[in-house]
Protein backbone atom coordinates (compact mmCIF):
# COMPACT_ATOMS: atom_id res chain seq x y z
CA MET A 1 -37.20 -30.83 77.09
CA GLY A 2 -36.54 -30.22 73.51
CA THR A 3 -32.83 -30.06 72.21
CA GLY A 4 -33.76 -28.41 68.99
CA LYS A 5 -32.83 -31.02 66.72
CA HIS A 6 -36.55 -31.50 65.51
CA ARG A 7 -36.93 -27.53 65.49
CA ALA A 8 -38.61 -26.49 61.89
CA PRO A 9 -36.08 -25.04 59.65
CA ASN A 10 -35.61 -21.30 59.37
CA PRO A 11 -36.49 -19.85 55.81
CA GLN A 12 -34.71 -16.91 56.32
CA ARG A 13 -31.91 -18.52 57.44
CA GLN A 14 -31.94 -20.79 54.89
CA LYS A 15 -32.17 -18.04 52.17
CA VAL A 16 -28.70 -16.08 54.07
CA GLY A 17 -26.82 -19.53 53.64
CA SER A 18 -27.69 -20.21 50.10
CA MET A 19 -26.53 -16.84 49.37
CA VAL A 20 -23.09 -17.16 51.70
CA ALA A 21 -22.42 -20.53 49.52
CA ALA A 22 -23.00 -19.02 46.31
CA GLY A 23 -20.85 -16.01 47.08
CA ALA A 24 -18.49 -18.94 48.18
CA VAL A 25 -18.37 -20.50 44.87
CA PRO A 26 -15.70 -18.36 42.82
CA LEU A 27 -13.05 -17.51 45.75
CA VAL A 28 -13.21 -21.52 46.12
CA LEU A 29 -12.69 -22.08 42.39
CA ALA A 30 -9.99 -19.32 42.62
CA LEU A 31 -8.48 -21.19 45.67
CA VAL A 32 -8.18 -24.71 44.05
CA GLY A 33 -7.24 -23.02 40.78
CA THR A 34 -4.00 -21.78 42.63
CA GLY A 35 -3.42 -24.89 44.67
CA THR A 36 -3.63 -26.95 41.71
CA ALA A 37 -1.15 -24.66 39.70
CA ASN A 38 1.19 -24.78 42.53
CA ALA A 39 1.07 -28.45 43.36
CA GLU A 40 2.01 -31.29 41.37
CA PRO A 41 -0.85 -32.14 38.88
CA ALA A 42 -2.75 -35.57 39.28
CA GLN A 43 -2.56 -38.45 36.35
CA SER A 44 -6.14 -37.01 35.70
CA ASN A 45 -5.36 -33.53 35.40
CA THR A 46 -2.05 -34.43 32.89
CA VAL A 47 -4.69 -36.72 30.74
CA SER A 48 -6.99 -33.84 30.63
CA HIS A 49 -4.40 -31.48 29.51
CA ARG A 50 -3.33 -33.68 26.94
CA GLU A 51 -6.51 -34.15 25.36
CA GLN A 52 -7.32 -30.00 25.76
CA ALA A 53 -3.44 -29.87 24.03
CA LYS A 54 -5.10 -32.28 21.00
CA LYS A 55 -8.20 -29.91 20.50
CA TRP A 56 -6.33 -26.71 20.81
CA PRO A 57 -2.98 -27.19 18.96
CA ALA A 58 -0.17 -24.29 18.81
CA ALA A 59 -0.16 -21.46 16.57
CA ALA A 60 2.41 -21.84 14.13
CA ALA A 61 5.82 -20.31 14.49
CA PRO A 62 6.46 -16.90 12.29
CA ASN A 63 8.49 -17.14 9.74
CA VAL A 64 8.80 -20.57 9.33
CA VAL A 65 9.74 -20.19 5.61
CA PRO A 66 11.52 -16.65 5.58
CA TYR A 67 11.16 -14.66 2.42
CA GLU A 68 14.68 -14.44 0.49
CA GLY A 69 14.49 -12.01 -2.40
CA LEU A 70 16.73 -9.88 -4.65
CA ILE A 71 18.98 -7.54 -2.20
CA ILE A 72 17.61 -3.87 -3.59
CA PRO A 73 20.52 -1.40 -2.38
CA ALA A 74 19.07 0.99 0.17
CA ASP A 75 19.75 4.35 -2.37
CA THR A 76 17.58 2.31 -5.07
CA HIS A 77 13.98 3.34 -4.83
CA SER A 78 12.18 0.24 -6.11
CA SER A 79 10.92 -3.29 -4.70
CA LEU A 80 10.18 -4.98 -8.32
CA GLN A 81 12.56 -7.93 -7.85
CA TRP A 82 11.84 -9.00 -11.26
CA ALA A 83 13.35 -5.55 -12.93
CA ARG A 84 15.67 -5.62 -15.50
CA PRO A 85 18.70 -2.80 -16.22
CA ALA A 86 17.73 -0.31 -18.70
CA PRO A 87 18.09 -1.32 -22.40
CA GLU A 88 20.89 -0.14 -25.02
CA GLN A 89 19.81 2.80 -27.20
CA ASP A 90 22.10 2.04 -29.83
CA TYR A 91 19.71 -0.23 -31.53
CA LEU A 92 16.00 0.52 -32.72
CA ALA A 93 14.51 -1.97 -35.18
CA PRO A 94 11.61 -0.62 -37.47
CA VAL A 95 8.26 -0.56 -36.85
CA GLY A 96 7.44 -3.37 -39.25
CA VAL A 97 3.93 -4.87 -39.89
CA LEU A 98 1.39 -4.45 -37.14
CA HIS A 99 -1.35 -6.97 -35.81
CA PRO A 100 -4.08 -7.22 -33.35
CA PRO A 101 -3.14 -7.97 -29.96
CA VAL A 102 -2.12 -11.83 -29.20
CA PRO A 103 -0.56 -13.29 -26.07
CA VAL A 104 2.83 -12.32 -25.29
CA ASP A 105 5.13 -13.03 -22.01
CA PRO A 106 5.27 -9.67 -20.24
CA VAL A 107 7.94 -6.94 -20.53
CA PRO A 108 9.96 -7.27 -16.86
CA PRO A 109 10.08 -3.43 -15.68
CA ILE A 110 13.03 -1.33 -15.69
CA ALA A 111 14.94 -0.45 -12.58
CA PRO A 112 15.41 3.44 -11.66
CA PRO A 113 18.96 4.10 -11.20
CA PRO A 114 20.29 4.94 -7.39
CA GLY A 115 18.76 7.98 -5.66
CA GLN A 116 16.04 8.84 -8.50
CA PHE A 117 12.95 8.92 -10.08
CA ARG A 118 12.66 7.20 -13.17
CA PHE A 119 9.61 8.45 -15.38
CA GLY A 120 10.23 6.44 -18.73
CA ASP A 121 12.95 8.38 -20.27
CA VAL A 122 12.79 10.85 -17.92
CA MET A 123 14.76 10.91 -14.82
CA VAL A 124 14.75 13.11 -11.52
CA ALA A 125 16.52 12.97 -8.52
CA THR A 126 14.66 11.99 -5.51
CA PRO A 127 14.20 15.22 -3.06
CA ASP A 128 15.33 14.71 0.92
CA TRP A 129 11.72 15.66 1.72
CA ILE A 130 10.14 12.28 0.21
CA ASP A 131 9.93 9.26 2.28
CA HIS A 132 11.32 6.36 0.69
CA GLU A 133 8.65 3.98 0.90
CA GLN A 134 6.74 6.85 -1.04
CA ALA A 135 9.73 7.17 -3.65
CA ILE A 136 9.25 3.45 -4.11
CA GLN A 137 5.76 3.08 -4.80
CA ILE A 138 6.22 6.44 -7.00
CA ASN A 139 8.81 4.87 -9.15
CA ASP A 140 6.83 1.04 -8.93
CA ALA A 141 4.06 2.91 -10.32
CA ALA A 142 5.92 4.69 -13.31
CA ALA A 143 8.01 1.37 -13.96
CA MET A 144 4.81 -1.15 -14.38
CA THR A 145 3.08 1.44 -16.24
CA GLU A 146 5.74 1.50 -18.64
CA ALA A 147 6.10 -2.14 -18.53
CA ASN A 148 2.55 -2.65 -19.23
CA LEU A 149 2.55 -0.61 -22.03
CA ALA A 150 5.83 -2.10 -23.75
CA THR A 151 4.18 -5.41 -23.07
CA PHE A 152 0.82 -4.37 -25.46
CA LEU A 153 3.41 -3.51 -27.85
CA ASP A 154 4.77 -6.40 -28.25
CA SER A 155 1.67 -7.87 -28.60
CA VAL A 156 0.40 -6.21 -31.65
CA GLY A 157 3.69 -6.82 -33.32
CA LEU A 158 6.42 -4.34 -32.57
CA GLU A 159 9.84 -5.57 -31.44
CA ARG A 160 11.25 -5.14 -27.67
CA SER A 161 13.76 -1.99 -28.57
CA ARG A 162 10.63 -0.39 -30.46
CA SER A 163 8.17 -1.35 -27.90
CA ASP A 164 11.01 -0.28 -25.24
CA ARG A 165 11.24 3.49 -26.83
CA ILE A 166 7.62 3.95 -27.37
CA ALA A 167 6.80 2.69 -23.92
CA ALA A 168 9.78 5.13 -22.45
CA GLN A 169 8.73 8.32 -24.30
CA THR A 170 5.23 7.95 -23.80
CA VAL A 171 5.69 7.66 -19.82
CA GLY A 172 8.32 10.29 -19.82
CA ALA A 173 6.42 12.84 -21.91
CA ALA A 174 2.87 12.26 -19.79
CA ALA A 175 4.97 13.13 -16.82
CA LEU A 176 6.65 16.40 -17.93
CA GLY A 177 2.93 16.93 -19.25
CA ALA A 178 1.43 16.44 -15.94
CA VAL A 179 4.04 19.03 -14.30
CA ALA A 180 3.39 21.63 -17.03
CA GLY A 181 -0.18 21.57 -17.07
CA ALA A 182 -0.33 21.55 -13.25
CA SER A 183 2.33 24.23 -13.59
CA SER A 184 -0.10 26.12 -15.67
CA THR A 185 -2.56 26.98 -13.53
CA MET A 186 -0.61 28.09 -10.36
CA PRO A 187 -2.07 31.39 -9.59
CA LEU A 188 -5.94 29.80 -10.27
CA SER A 189 -4.72 27.01 -8.14
CA VAL A 190 -3.58 29.57 -5.31
CA THR A 191 -6.87 31.53 -5.68
CA SER A 192 -9.05 28.11 -5.43
CA ALA A 193 -7.11 27.00 -2.67
CA MET A 194 -7.71 30.24 -0.52
CA VAL A 195 -11.38 29.92 -1.14
CA GLY A 196 -11.58 26.04 0.06
CA ALA A 197 -9.53 27.24 2.99
CA ALA A 198 -11.93 30.15 3.82
CA ALA A 199 -14.81 27.63 3.33
CA GLY A 200 -13.00 24.75 5.44
CA LEU A 201 -12.49 27.20 7.97
CA VAL A 202 -16.10 28.00 8.05
CA THR A 203 -17.17 24.49 8.09
CA GLY A 204 -14.59 23.61 10.65
CA VAL A 205 -16.22 25.97 13.58
CA ILE A 206 -18.49 23.68 13.86
CA PHE A 207 -15.86 20.96 15.32
CA ALA A 208 -13.77 23.94 16.95
CA PRO A 209 -10.77 23.48 18.04
CA ILE A 210 -9.32 20.41 15.76
CA GLY A 211 -11.93 21.52 13.18
CA LEU A 212 -10.22 24.97 13.05
CA ILE A 213 -6.86 23.48 12.02
CA VAL A 214 -8.51 20.69 9.75
CA GLY A 215 -11.16 22.59 8.12
CA PRO A 216 -8.71 25.14 6.35
CA ALA A 217 -5.88 22.92 5.30
CA LEU A 218 -8.60 20.46 3.88
CA GLY A 219 -10.35 22.84 2.24
CA ALA A 220 -7.61 24.51 0.60
CA ALA A 221 -6.48 21.14 -0.52
CA VAL A 222 -9.66 20.49 -1.94
CA GLY A 223 -9.95 23.94 -3.41
CA ALA A 224 -6.17 23.58 -5.27
CA ALA A 225 -6.99 20.00 -6.47
CA VAL A 226 -10.03 20.91 -8.08
CA ILE A 227 -8.07 22.74 -10.46
CA THR A 228 -4.77 21.31 -10.42
CA ILE A 229 -5.57 17.63 -10.92
CA PRO A 230 -7.49 18.20 -14.08
CA ALA A 231 -4.88 20.35 -15.85
CA ALA A 232 -2.33 18.09 -14.86
CA MET A 233 -4.56 15.00 -16.48
CA MET A 234 -4.79 17.21 -19.66
CA GLY A 235 -0.80 17.78 -19.79
CA ALA A 236 -0.28 13.81 -19.03
CA ALA A 237 -2.55 12.96 -21.96
CA ALA A 238 -1.16 15.58 -24.48
CA GLY A 239 2.53 14.44 -23.16
CA ALA A 240 1.91 11.11 -23.70
CA ALA A 241 0.23 11.51 -27.12
CA VAL A 242 3.45 13.47 -28.24
CA GLY A 243 5.98 10.89 -26.49
CA ALA A 244 4.20 8.21 -28.37
CA ALA A 245 3.92 9.67 -31.52
CA GLY A 246 8.00 10.54 -31.25
CA GLY A 247 8.92 6.82 -30.16
CA PHE A 248 7.15 5.49 -33.04
CA ILE A 249 7.99 7.39 -35.85
CA ALA A 250 12.18 7.54 -34.80
CA PRO A 251 14.29 6.05 -37.32
CA ALA A 252 15.34 2.57 -36.87
CA ARG A 253 18.99 2.18 -36.47
CA VAL A 254 21.82 -0.04 -36.07
CA ILE A 255 24.91 -0.57 -34.01
CA GLY A 256 27.53 1.73 -35.46
CA ASP A 257 25.05 3.94 -37.12
């Protein structure tokens, strides 16, 4: 009488058993992992963790070397730590003899007055609707433009007081010229903006509903910019030329004059 011990293996049963075993592997691993986490780690696991720690060092802690710079008052729209106060106006050196550019030390930028934009020798109160960070960027750009120009003027032989005077008047007059140029085209800019808004509306229909908002706004901005930006650039160039000439021909003076 057969006991079944020598019965031939059932291929279907073996296949099902293999599938069950394979499916149980992730569950077993998860249970083992949980038990390992809750149980006291064995010595072999501790050594393994130590070796892994050597391979994967901890990330560097942030702010190990904190930044320490000049504390600039909140109402002064500048981030230039090396800026200097505005120079005195009671002395102006003569022009002297000029020469080709030579290496010179960079001229430090000039810090703006609190709560104001500074474009060379032109100061304007910062509007409330201008974001603080944007105001800093505007002042920094104007100050560095002025400082770079003064550095170039130093390199061709001008004394610092004369370089400062020409650079300040150049940047200031350029800013005024840009405003004047943009303002002179205002009626035409409005018309161009309306045409751009209409074109943007037509294009924005394709991307409705968001296109009906973004299209006209973008079209108006582009339409106005097409007219305003060239006019502002021309006004800035003309103003810069006038300012540079004025600073160059200004008579020299000394303290007490």
